[in-house]
Amino acid sequence: MPELPEVETVARQLKEQVLGREVRGLQVLDERLSHLRQSHSLLLGARIQDSRRVGKQVALSLACRDGRQRWLLVHLRMTGRLLLVEEASPARTRCRLELDEGALCFADSRRFGTMVVVEEEAALEPPGLDPLDQGCTPNRLKEMAASCAAPLKSWLLDQHRITGLGNIYACEILHAAALSPHRPASSVTLEEWRRLHRHMRRILVKAIELCGTTFSDFQDSRGVEGSFGALLEVYRRQALPCNRCGGTVVRETQAQRGTYWCPGCQG
């Protein structure tokens, strides 16, 4: 599933590609998105004013002809892709937004992604703290985790606490910070939160620079795969030696997800 770096990549690319373009038409090709047809007349003639990430969603800001601001929210989920094309739609396109130049296609082979038009900016507020926001500080993280005995990795993946992190980057951040995924979140000291926070920012920023990580389906808005996978230290490296301590990377099931870590330096 696309995580923060992948969604940020798409949002930034679309900001360069579609700002100022006018919506000329809407083709809904999947009945699971049939609710979008109700917004067809509202979207016609709208100008795209902004593209940004909200948690794990791409938000396109639209200046509509009736003078109101609306937002098109797209959650890519497992296999969703937002692709800017000049002519033909890619395979498994679920929705096509015709523009005055080209079209923006939402392709999604497993059909888990969502696309919705919202009229209130409050709907853009993520449920938790964004790890790249200025308000995300080591002190704030420690305060939030103070009364939580849940394992640290599970705590990081709770979107109502930290919005945008997923399994890949949680594993990588914990390894970089030399913290066990099984540690109770409340037991992490302020100095450890500082270390985790520093590596979290570093890893996410680097992943964005490399357009994220692709294992199977993710492509950016140009149809290019992310290349951060070459820098992964533990994710999907079970049974291989840890690049830091030489120990063996293991894979465990934690809260129904695969956890990759090195007991040698994260124990």
Protein backbone atom coordinates (compact mmCIF):
# COMPACT_ATOMS: atom_id res chain seq x y z
CA MET A 1 0.00 0.00 0.00
CA PRO A 2 1.37 3.45 -0.85
CA GLU A 3 2.59 5.18 2.30
CA LEU A 4 3.52 8.77 3.05
CA PRO A 5 6.51 9.07 0.65
CA GLU A 6 4.63 7.54 -2.27
CA VAL A 7 1.55 9.72 -1.78
CA GLU A 8 3.71 12.83 -1.23
CA THR A 9 5.53 12.03 -4.48
CA VAL A 10 2.29 11.85 -6.46
CA ALA A 11 0.87 15.01 -4.86
CA ARG A 12 4.03 17.01 -5.61
CA GLN A 13 4.23 15.79 -9.19
CA LEU A 14 0.59 16.63 -9.86
CA LYS A 15 1.18 20.09 -8.41
CA GLU A 16 3.75 20.64 -11.15
CA GLN A 17 1.63 19.05 -13.87
CA VAL A 18 -2.01 20.06 -13.45
CA LEU A 19 -2.19 23.40 -11.61
CA GLY A 20 -4.36 25.83 -13.52
CA ARG A 21 -5.86 23.21 -15.76
CA GLU A 22 -9.59 23.13 -16.32
CA VAL A 23 -11.83 20.10 -15.83
CA ARG A 24 -13.68 19.38 -19.07
CA GLY A 25 -15.32 16.07 -18.26
CA LEU A 26 -15.67 13.13 -15.89
CA GLN A 27 -15.92 9.47 -16.90
CA VAL A 28 -16.81 7.05 -14.11
CA LEU A 29 -15.91 3.54 -15.28
CA ASP A 30 -16.41 1.62 -12.05
CA GLU A 31 -19.76 1.42 -10.28
CA ARG A 32 -18.02 1.48 -6.92
CA LEU A 33 -17.28 5.13 -7.71
CA SER A 34 -20.77 5.87 -9.06
CA HIS A 35 -21.28 8.52 -6.35
CA LEU A 36 -18.91 10.76 -8.32
CA ARG A 37 -21.54 11.17 -11.04
CA GLN A 38 -23.50 13.37 -8.63
CA SER A 39 -20.59 15.83 -8.73
CA HIS A 40 -20.25 15.88 -12.51
CA SER A 41 -21.92 19.25 -13.06
CA LEU A 42 -20.05 20.79 -10.13
CA LEU A 43 -16.67 19.72 -11.50
CA LEU A 44 -17.19 20.89 -15.08
CA GLY A 45 -15.23 24.06 -15.65
CA ALA A 46 -13.43 23.84 -12.30
CA ARG A 47 -9.80 24.95 -12.16
CA ILE A 48 -7.25 22.88 -10.25
CA GLN A 49 -5.61 25.25 -7.77
CA ASP A 50 -3.50 22.96 -5.62
CA SER A 51 -2.37 19.38 -5.03
CA ARG A 52 -1.19 18.20 -1.64
CA ARG A 53 -0.98 15.17 0.57
CA VAL A 54 -3.37 14.70 3.49
CA GLY A 55 -2.17 11.70 5.49
CA LYS A 56 -2.18 8.93 2.89
CA GLN A 57 -4.54 10.74 0.51
CA VAL A 58 -3.97 13.09 -2.43
CA ALA A 59 -6.13 16.23 -2.23
CA LEU A 60 -6.79 18.29 -5.36
CA SER A 61 -8.17 21.76 -4.64
CA LEU A 62 -10.78 22.88 -7.17
CA ALA A 63 -12.11 26.38 -7.83
CA CYS A 64 -15.58 25.63 -9.18
CA ARG A 65 -17.72 27.76 -11.48
CA ASP A 66 -20.27 28.47 -8.75
CA GLY A 67 -17.56 30.33 -6.82
CA ARG A 68 -17.10 27.63 -4.21
CA GLN A 69 -13.99 25.67 -3.31
CA ARG A 70 -14.14 21.90 -3.40
CA TRP A 71 -11.59 19.13 -2.97
CA LEU A 72 -11.16 15.82 -4.74
CA LEU A 73 -9.74 13.33 -2.22
CA VAL A 74 -8.07 10.19 -3.56
CA HIS A 75 -6.93 7.30 -1.38
CA LEU A 76 -4.75 4.97 -3.45
CA ARG A 77 -5.03 2.00 -1.05
CA MET A 78 -3.36 -1.21 -2.27
CA THR A 79 -2.96 -0.74 -6.02
CA GLY A 80 -4.26 2.73 -6.90
CA ARG A 81 -2.38 5.02 -9.28
CA LEU A 82 -3.06 8.59 -10.41
CA LEU A 83 -1.60 8.96 -13.89
CA LEU A 84 -1.56 12.00 -16.15
CA VAL A 85 -2.01 10.83 -19.74
CA GLU A 86 -2.25 12.55 -23.10
CA GLU A 87 -4.57 10.08 -24.80
CA ALA A 88 -5.52 6.47 -23.97
CA SER A 89 -6.39 5.47 -20.42
CA PRO A 90 -4.15 2.89 -18.71
CA ALA A 91 -5.46 -0.60 -17.96
CA ARG A 92 -8.01 -0.92 -15.16
CA THR A 93 -8.87 2.77 -15.10
CA ARG A 94 -11.78 3.36 -12.72
CA CYS A 95 -12.24 7.07 -13.30
CA ARG A 96 -10.98 9.55 -15.90
CA LEU A 97 -10.93 13.30 -15.30
CA GLU A 98 -10.75 15.06 -18.66
CA LEU A 99 -8.66 18.24 -18.59
CA ASP A 100 -8.09 21.01 -21.12
CA GLU A 101 -4.74 19.29 -21.69
CA GLY A 102 -4.69 15.52 -21.26
CA ALA A 103 -6.54 13.57 -18.59
CA LEU A 104 -5.98 12.43 -15.03
CA CYS A 105 -6.76 8.72 -14.68
CA PHE A 106 -7.37 6.76 -11.49
CA ALA A 107 -6.24 3.20 -12.25
CA ASP A 108 -6.71 0.57 -9.56
CA SER A 109 -6.54 -3.16 -10.32
CA ARG A 110 -7.90 -4.35 -6.95
CA ARG A 111 -10.52 -1.56 -6.71
CA PHE A 112 -9.86 -0.80 -3.03
CA GLY A 113 -9.00 2.87 -3.61
CA THR A 114 -11.47 5.64 -2.96
CA MET A 115 -12.25 8.95 -4.65
CA VAL A 116 -14.65 11.49 -3.21
CA VAL A 117 -15.53 15.17 -3.63
CA VAL A 118 -15.77 17.14 -0.36
CA GLU A 119 -17.05 20.67 0.20
CA GLU A 120 -15.66 21.44 3.66
CA GLU A 121 -11.96 22.00 4.24
CA ALA A 122 -12.35 20.39 7.66
CA ALA A 123 -12.62 17.05 5.85
CA LEU A 124 -8.95 17.43 4.91
CA GLU A 125 -7.76 17.26 8.51
CA PRO A 126 -5.83 14.01 9.07
CA PRO A 127 -6.91 11.94 12.08
CA GLY A 128 -3.46 12.01 13.68
CA LEU A 129 -0.15 13.86 13.73
CA ASP A 130 1.68 14.13 10.42
CA PRO A 131 5.31 13.01 10.91
CA LEU A 132 6.61 15.81 8.65
CA ASP A 133 4.68 18.62 10.34
CA GLN A 134 6.54 21.08 12.56
CA GLY A 135 4.27 20.07 15.43
CA CYS A 136 5.68 16.54 15.35
CA THR A 137 8.50 16.82 17.87
CA PRO A 138 10.22 14.30 20.18
CA ASN A 139 8.52 15.91 23.18
CA ARG A 140 5.12 15.64 21.52
CA LEU A 141 5.68 11.99 20.61
CA LYS A 142 6.72 11.12 24.16
CA GLU A 143 3.69 12.93 25.55
CA MET A 144 1.34 11.10 23.18
CA ALA A 145 2.82 7.69 24.07
CA ALA A 146 3.09 8.26 27.81
CA SER A 147 0.07 6.17 28.78
CA CYS A 148 0.19 3.60 25.96
CA ALA A 149 1.56 0.12 26.65
CA ALA A 150 1.06 -1.04 23.05
CA PRO A 151 4.17 -2.23 21.17
CA LEU A 152 6.09 0.63 19.63
CA LYS A 153 5.60 -0.49 16.04
CA SER A 154 1.84 -0.87 16.51
CA TRP A 155 1.78 2.59 18.08
CA LEU A 156 3.56 4.10 15.06
CA LEU A 157 1.12 2.44 12.65
CA ASP A 158 -2.00 3.74 14.43
CA GLN A 159 -3.25 6.37 11.97
CA HIS A 160 -5.12 8.15 14.75
CA ARG A 161 -1.76 8.82 16.39
CA ILE A 162 0.71 9.15 13.50
CA THR A 163 -0.91 9.61 10.10
CA GLY A 164 0.92 8.46 6.98
CA LEU A 165 3.36 5.85 8.27
CA GLY A 166 2.93 2.30 7.02
CA ASN A 167 4.61 -1.03 7.54
CA ILE A 168 7.66 -0.49 5.33
CA TYR A 169 8.79 2.78 6.86
CA ALA A 170 7.89 1.84 10.44
CA CYS A 171 10.23 -1.16 10.18
CA GLU A 172 12.99 0.94 8.64
CA ILE A 173 12.66 3.78 11.15
CA LEU A 174 12.78 1.45 14.15
CA HIS A 175 15.86 -0.29 12.78
CA ALA A 176 17.62 3.00 12.11
CA ALA A 177 16.79 4.15 15.66
CA ALA A 178 17.94 0.79 17.12
CA LEU A 179 14.61 0.29 18.90
CA SER A 180 12.72 -2.97 19.28
CA PRO A 181 9.29 -3.07 17.62
CA HIS A 182 8.09 -4.91 20.74
CA ARG A 183 9.01 -2.18 23.24
CA PRO A 184 5.99 -0.70 25.03
CA ALA A 185 5.55 2.78 23.54
CA SER A 186 5.31 4.28 27.03
CA SER A 187 8.77 2.94 27.92
CA VAL A 188 10.61 4.92 25.25
CA THR A 189 12.73 7.66 26.77
CA LEU A 190 12.92 11.23 25.50
CA GLU A 191 16.42 10.62 24.15
CA GLU A 192 15.14 7.56 22.26
CA TRP A 193 12.24 9.58 20.87
CA ARG A 194 14.76 12.16 19.68
CA ARG A 195 16.68 9.43 17.89
CA LEU A 196 13.53 7.94 16.37
CA HIS A 197 12.27 11.37 15.31
CA ARG A 198 15.58 12.22 13.62
CA HIS A 199 15.65 8.97 11.64
CA MET A 200 11.95 9.19 10.82
CA ARG A 201 12.43 12.60 9.17
CA ARG A 202 15.62 11.46 7.40
CA ILE A 203 14.12 8.27 5.99
CA LEU A 204 10.86 9.86 4.87
CA VAL A 205 12.61 12.80 3.19
CA LYS A 206 15.03 10.47 1.39
CA ALA A 207 12.20 8.18 0.29
CA ILE A 208 10.33 11.17 -1.15
CA GLU A 209 13.47 12.19 -3.07
CA LEU A 210 13.55 8.69 -4.59
CA CYS A 211 9.79 8.66 -5.36
CA GLY A 212 9.05 6.05 -2.71
CA THR A 213 9.26 2.26 -2.75
CA THR A 214 7.82 -0.11 -5.34
CA PHE A 215 7.44 -3.84 -4.80
CA SER A 216 4.53 -4.63 -7.10
CA ASP A 217 2.07 -1.92 -8.12
CA PHE A 218 3.08 1.58 -7.09
CA GLN A 219 3.92 4.04 -9.86
CA ASP A 220 4.15 7.81 -9.65
CA SER A 221 2.03 10.15 -11.79
CA ARG A 222 4.39 9.60 -14.72
CA GLY A 223 4.18 5.80 -14.53
CA VAL A 224 7.65 5.47 -12.96
CA GLU A 225 8.41 3.09 -10.09
CA GLY A 226 9.95 4.31 -6.82
CA SER A 227 13.61 3.47 -6.17
CA PHE A 228 13.92 3.68 -2.35
CA GLY A 229 13.73 -0.12 -2.20
CA ALA A 230 17.46 -0.31 -2.92
CA LEU A 231 18.12 1.40 0.44
CA LEU A 232 15.94 -0.78 2.64
CA GLU A 233 17.85 -2.19 5.62
CA VAL A 234 15.39 -4.73 7.06
CA TYR A 235 12.09 -4.77 5.18
CA ARG A 236 11.82 -8.04 3.21
CA ARG A 237 15.43 -8.90 4.13
CA GLN A 238 14.63 -11.78 6.48
CA ALA A 239 17.46 -14.32 6.92
CA LEU A 240 19.99 -11.84 5.53
CA PRO A 241 22.76 -10.27 7.63
CA CYS A 242 22.09 -6.90 9.24
CA ASN A 243 24.23 -4.26 7.56
CA ARG A 244 24.92 -2.62 10.92
CA CYS A 245 25.75 -5.43 13.35
CA GLY A 246 26.03 -8.56 11.21
CA GLY A 247 23.15 -10.26 13.03
CA THR A 248 20.32 -11.98 11.17
CA VAL A 249 17.26 -10.01 10.12
CA VAL A 250 14.07 -11.83 11.12
CA ARG A 251 10.45 -11.62 10.11
CA GLU A 252 7.69 -11.97 12.69
CA THR A 253 3.95 -11.51 12.57
CA GLN A 254 2.91 -8.62 14.77
CA ALA A 255 -0.70 -7.40 14.84
CA GLN A 256 -1.32 -9.42 11.64
CA ARG A 257 1.50 -7.67 9.78
CA GLY A 258 5.00 -8.72 8.92
CA THR A 259 7.58 -7.10 11.21
CA TYR A 260 11.17 -7.09 9.96
CA TRP A 261 13.89 -6.32 12.49
CA CYS A 262 17.32 -7.27 13.80
CA PRO A 263 17.32 -8.68 17.36
CA GLY A 264 21.08 -8.12 17.44
CA CYS A 265 20.98 -4.32 17.40
CA GLN A 266 17.31 -3.65 18.19
CA GLY A 267 16.97 -6.06 21.09
